[in-house]
C-alpha atoms as a PDB file:
ATOM      1  CA  MET A   1       4.278 -44.864 -17.579  1.00  0.00           C
ATOM      2  CA  LYS A   2       3.717 -44.851 -13.820  1.00  0.00           C
ATOM      3  CA  LYS A   3       6.021 -41.833 -13.407  1.00  0.00           C
ATOM      4  CA  ILE A   4       4.187 -39.929 -16.137  1.00  0.00           C
ATOM      5  CA  SER A   5       0.829 -40.612 -14.499  1.00  0.00           C
ATOM      6  CA  LEU A   6       2.156 -39.471 -11.131  1.00  0.00           C
ATOM      7  CA  PHE A   7       3.648 -36.352 -12.705  1.00  0.00           C
ATOM      8  CA  LEU A   8       0.354 -35.517 -14.430  1.00  0.00           C
ATOM      9  CA  ALA A   9      -1.583 -36.034 -11.198  1.00  0.00           C
ATOM     10  CA  VAL A  10       0.773 -33.726  -9.292  1.00  0.00           C
ATOM     11  CA  LEU A  11       0.585 -31.157 -12.100  1.00  0.00           C
ATOM     12  CA  LEU A  12      -3.228 -31.203 -12.078  1.00  0.00           C
ATOM     13  CA  VAL A  13      -3.438 -30.838  -8.310  1.00  0.00           C
ATOM     14  CA  SER A  14      -0.867 -28.055  -8.143  1.00  0.00           C
ATOM     15  CA  GLY A  15      -2.397 -26.350 -11.181  1.00  0.00           C
ATOM     16  CA  GLY A  16      -5.760 -26.263  -9.418  1.00  0.00           C
ATOM     17  CA  PHE A  17      -4.056 -24.697  -6.410  1.00  0.00           C
ATOM     18  CA  PHE A  18      -2.514 -21.925  -8.476  1.00  0.00           C
ATOM     19  CA  ILE A  19      -5.691 -21.282 -10.430  1.00  0.00           C
ATOM     20  CA  SER A  20      -7.793 -20.952  -7.271  1.00  0.00           C
ATOM     21  CA  ASN A  21      -5.264 -18.590  -5.712  1.00  0.00           C
ATOM     22  CA  ALA A  22      -5.009 -16.514  -8.890  1.00  0.00           C
ATOM     23  CA  PHE A  23      -8.741 -15.834  -8.644  1.00  0.00           C
ATOM     24  CA  ALA A  24      -8.164 -13.547  -5.667  1.00  0.00           C
ATOM     25  CA  HIS A  25      -5.966 -11.274  -7.752  1.00  0.00           C
ATOM     26  CA  CYS A  26      -2.266 -11.051  -8.185  1.00  0.00           C
ATOM     27  CA  GLU A  27      -0.037  -9.362  -5.657  1.00  0.00           C
ATOM     28  CA  ILE A  28       2.633  -8.270  -8.137  1.00  0.00           C
ATOM     29  CA  PRO A  29       1.040  -5.519  -8.221  1.00  0.00           C
ATOM     30  CA  CYS A  30      -0.218  -5.608 -11.763  1.00  0.00           C
ATOM     31  CA  GLY A  31      -2.177  -2.365 -11.548  1.00  0.00           C
ATOM     32  CA  ILE A  32      -5.225  -3.980 -13.112  1.00  0.00           C
ATOM     33  CA  TYR A  33      -8.062  -3.535 -10.662  1.00  0.00           C
ATOM     34  CA  ASP A  34     -11.813  -3.507 -11.096  1.00  0.00           C
ATOM     35  CA  ASP A  35     -13.157  -2.638  -7.686  1.00  0.00           C
ATOM     36  CA  GLN A  36     -16.798  -2.461  -8.771  1.00  0.00           C
ATOM     37  CA  ALA A  37     -16.545  -5.901 -10.373  1.00  0.00           C
ATOM     38  CA  ARG A  38     -15.337  -7.292  -7.032  1.00  0.00           C
ATOM     39  CA  MET A  39     -18.281  -5.683  -5.236  1.00  0.00           C
ATOM     40  CA  ASP A  40     -20.625  -7.146  -7.849  1.00  0.00           C
ATOM     41  CA  MET A  41     -19.061 -10.567  -7.273  1.00  0.00           C
ATOM     42  CA  ILE A  42     -19.607 -10.221  -3.519  1.00  0.00           C
ATOM     43  CA  SER A  43     -23.268  -9.415  -4.166  1.00  0.00           C
ATOM     44  CA  GLU A  44     -23.659 -12.417  -6.450  1.00  0.00           C
ATOM     45  CA  HIS A  45     -22.007 -14.692  -3.896  1.00  0.00           C
ATOM     46  CA  ALA A  46     -24.404 -13.379  -1.215  1.00  0.00           C
ATOM     47  CA  ASP A  47     -27.348 -14.169  -3.516  1.00  0.00           C
ATOM     48  CA  THR A  48     -26.030 -17.712  -3.959  1.00  0.00           C
ATOM     49  CA  ILE A  49     -25.590 -18.123  -0.201  1.00  0.00           C
ATOM     50  CA  GLU A  50     -29.149 -16.954   0.390  1.00  0.00           C
ATOM     51  CA  LYS A  51     -30.557 -19.358  -2.204  1.00  0.00           C
ATOM     52  CA  SER A  52     -28.481 -22.179  -0.732  1.00  0.00           C
ATOM     53  CA  MET A  53     -29.920 -21.461   2.711  1.00  0.00           C
ATOM     54  CA  ARG A  54     -33.474 -21.654   1.338  1.00  0.00           C
ATOM     55  CA  GLU A  55     -32.737 -24.942  -0.423  1.00  0.00           C
ATOM     56  CA  ILE A  56     -31.066 -26.430   2.652  1.00  0.00           C
ATOM     57  CA  THR A  57     -34.059 -25.515   4.784  1.00  0.00           C
ATOM     58  CA  ALA A  58     -36.406 -27.096   2.235  1.00  0.00           C
ATOM     59  CA  LEU A  59     -34.358 -30.313   2.243  1.00  0.00           C
ATOM     60  CA  GLU A  60     -34.014 -30.649   6.005  1.00  0.00           C
ATOM     61  CA  ASP A  61     -36.391 -33.618   5.991  1.00  0.00           C
ATOM     62  CA  GLY A  62     -33.352 -35.720   5.014  1.00  0.00           C
ATOM     63  CA  LYS A  63     -35.014 -37.423   2.059  1.00  0.00           C
ATOM     64  CA  ASN A  64     -32.426 -36.182  -0.411  1.00  0.00           C
ATOM     65  CA  MET A  65     -29.157 -36.082   1.486  1.00  0.00           C
ATOM     66  CA  ASN A  66     -27.058 -35.832  -1.681  1.00  0.00           C
ATOM     67  CA  GLN A  67     -28.730 -32.605  -2.747  1.00  0.00           C
ATOM     68  CA  LEU A  68     -28.615 -31.271   0.812  1.00  0.00           C
ATOM     69  CA  VAL A  69     -24.860 -31.836   0.959  1.00  0.00           C
ATOM     70  CA  ARG A  70     -24.407 -30.128  -2.403  1.00  0.00           C
ATOM     71  CA  TRP A  71     -26.261 -27.013  -1.223  1.00  0.00           C
ATOM     72  CA  VAL A  72     -24.254 -26.891   2.011  1.00  0.00           C
ATOM     73  CA  THR A  73     -21.044 -27.180   0.002  1.00  0.00           C
ATOM     74  CA  THR A  74     -22.187 -24.420  -2.355  1.00  0.00           C
ATOM     75  CA  LYS A  75     -23.079 -22.126   0.541  1.00  0.00           C
ATOM     76  CA  GLU A  76     -19.683 -22.607   2.145  1.00  0.00           C
ATOM     77  CA  LYS A  77     -17.795 -22.190  -1.134  1.00  0.00           C
ATOM     78  CA  HIS A  78     -19.429 -18.839  -1.858  1.00  0.00           C
ATOM     79  CA  ALA A  79     -18.834 -17.612   1.691  1.00  0.00           C
ATOM     80  CA  ASP A  80     -15.161 -18.562   1.246  1.00  0.00           C
ATOM     81  CA  LEU A  81     -15.051 -16.646  -2.041  1.00  0.00           C
ATOM     82  CA  ILE A  82     -16.361 -13.525  -0.305  1.00  0.00           C
ATOM     83  CA  GLN A  83     -13.766 -13.911   2.439  1.00  0.00           C
ATOM     84  CA  ASN A  84     -11.078 -14.257  -0.205  1.00  0.00           C
ATOM     85  CA  ILE A  85     -12.123 -11.095  -2.056  1.00  0.00           C
ATOM     86  CA  VAL A  86     -12.355  -9.145   1.197  1.00  0.00           C
ATOM     87  CA  SER A  87      -9.002 -10.229   2.569  1.00  0.00           C
ATOM     88  CA  GLN A  88      -6.851 -10.828  -0.509  1.00  0.00           C
ATOM     89  CA  TYR A  89      -8.186  -8.080  -2.721  1.00  0.00           C
ATOM     90  CA  PHE A  90      -9.475  -5.226  -0.586  1.00  0.00           C
ATOM     91  CA  MET A  91      -7.650  -5.553   2.731  1.00  0.00           C
ATOM     92  CA  THR A  92      -4.222  -6.382   1.376  1.00  0.00           C
ATOM     93  CA  GLN A  93      -4.183  -4.575  -1.949  1.00  0.00           C
ATOM     94  CA  ARG A  94      -6.712  -1.758  -2.107  1.00  0.00           C
ATOM     95  CA  ILE A  95      -6.900  -0.195   1.365  1.00  0.00           C
ATOM     96  CA  THR A  96      -3.666   1.629   2.081  1.00  0.00           C
ATOM     97  CA  LEU A  97      -2.471   2.103   5.631  1.00  0.00           C
ATOM     98  CA  ASP A  98      -2.955   5.855   5.289  1.00  0.00           C
ATOM     99  CA  ALA A  99      -6.396   5.638   3.646  1.00  0.00           C
ATOM    100  CA  VAL A 100      -9.106   8.142   4.447  1.00  0.00           C
ATOM    101  CA  ASP A 101     -11.481   6.502   6.968  1.00  0.00           C
ATOM    102  CA  TYR A 102      -9.099   3.527   7.248  1.00  0.00           C
ATOM    103  CA  ASP A 103     -10.604   2.315  10.535  1.00  0.00           C
ATOM    104  CA  LYS A 104     -14.162   2.494   9.197  1.00  0.00           C
ATOM    105  CA  LYS A 105     -13.254   0.680   5.986  1.00  0.00           C
ATOM    106  CA  ILE A 106     -11.385  -2.075   7.821  1.00  0.00           C
ATOM    107  CA  THR A 107     -14.262  -2.419  10.289  1.00  0.00           C
ATOM    108  CA  ALA A 108     -16.780  -2.823   7.456  1.00  0.00           C
ATOM    109  CA  LEU A 109     -14.532  -5.403   5.768  1.00  0.00           C
ATOM    110  CA  HIS A 110     -14.114  -7.260   9.057  1.00  0.00           C
ATOM    111  CA  LYS A 111     -17.890  -7.371   9.446  1.00  0.00           C
ATOM    112  CA  MET A 112     -18.090  -8.901   5.967  1.00  0.00           C
ATOM    113  CA  LEU A 113     -15.599 -11.584   7.016  1.00  0.00           C
ATOM    114  CA  VAL A 114     -17.509 -12.338  10.227  1.00  0.00           C
ATOM    115  CA  PHE A 115     -20.932 -12.500   8.563  1.00  0.00           C
ATOM    116  CA  SER A 116     -19.534 -14.694   5.783  1.00  0.00           C
ATOM    117  CA  MET A 117     -18.364 -17.040   8.522  1.00  0.00           C
ATOM    118  CA  LYS A 118     -21.786 -16.887  10.192  1.00  0.00           C
ATOM    119  CA  CYS A 119     -23.366 -17.764   6.836  1.00  0.00           C
ATOM    120  CA  LYS A 120     -21.244 -20.904   6.757  1.00  0.00           C
ATOM    121  CA  GLN A 121     -22.303 -21.825  10.286  1.00  0.00           C
ATOM    122  CA  THR A 122     -26.052 -21.344   9.919  1.00  0.00           C
ATOM    123  CA  THR A 123     -28.997 -21.116   7.559  1.00  0.00           C
ATOM    124  CA  ASP A 124     -30.169 -17.875   9.161  1.00  0.00           C
ATOM    125  CA  PRO A 125     -30.946 -15.432   6.328  1.00  0.00           C
ATOM    126  CA  GLY A 126     -30.379 -12.615   8.813  1.00  0.00           C
ATOM    127  CA  ASN A 127     -26.659 -13.252   8.447  1.00  0.00           C
ATOM    128  CA  VAL A 128     -26.908 -12.675   4.689  1.00  0.00           C
ATOM    129  CA  GLU A 129     -28.686  -9.388   5.339  1.00  0.00           C
ATOM    130  CA  LYS A 130     -25.961  -8.337   7.783  1.00  0.00           C
ATOM    131  CA  LEU A 131     -23.347  -9.332   5.198  1.00  0.00           C
ATOM    132  CA  ARG A 132     -25.087  -7.204   2.567  1.00  0.00           C
ATOM    133  CA  ALA A 133     -25.375  -4.267   4.996  1.00  0.00           C
ATOM    134  CA  ALA A 134     -21.641  -4.455   5.745  1.00  0.00           C
ATOM    135  CA  ALA A 135     -20.892  -4.642   2.010  1.00  0.00           C
ATOM    136  CA  GLU A 136     -23.049  -1.584   1.391  1.00  0.00           C
ATOM    137  CA  GLU A 137     -21.352   0.262   4.259  1.00  0.00           C
ATOM    138  CA  PHE A 138     -17.943  -0.561   2.776  1.00  0.00           C
ATOM    139  CA  HIS A 139     -19.086   0.354  -0.731  1.00  0.00           C
ATOM    140  CA  LYS A 140     -20.123   3.837   0.393  1.00  0.00           C
ATOM    141  CA  LEU A 141     -16.912   4.408   2.335  1.00  0.00           C
ATOM    142  CA  TYR A 142     -14.665   3.053  -0.375  1.00  0.00           C
ATOM    143  CA  PHE A 143     -16.188   4.632  -3.453  1.00  0.00           C
ATOM    144  CA  ASP A 144     -16.660   8.013  -1.745  1.00  0.00           C
ATOM    145  CA  HIS A 145     -12.881   8.073  -1.115  1.00  0.00           C
ATOM    146  CA  LYS A 146     -11.661   5.840  -3.962  1.00  0.00           C
ATOM    147  CA  HIS A 147      -7.937   5.101  -4.107  1.00  0.00           C
ATOM    148  CA  SER A 148      -7.267   6.670  -0.737  1.00  0.00           C
END
């Protein structure tokens, strides 16, 4: 019975690992891509980060530490999700080395990574705005020259 419990625990933990990594997108390549859906997800994650920042600021009096911790965790999780989409989906799978405006696209994606990191470090809504501006910059570059 002990071995079965241990096996199930290992299976659950490793299953969670594979599920979270599958979220980024496969690297087979499967050929199933929805670039606009990924951009929409980035936008939704930015909205969640912004709301989290507002809630954290409202709870800074320390009276409800549990809720404060939950909002901080949420903010960081959604920043991580953006970083994952940017690096695992766009940078490694969608932007080819010979892409039109490669340097500009990679620069915009790098800005998104940096401002996602800044969102984790602070509650400054200016970082969310910079993240959104970088996402918009990338969106224009990418969808003007899609699949290049």
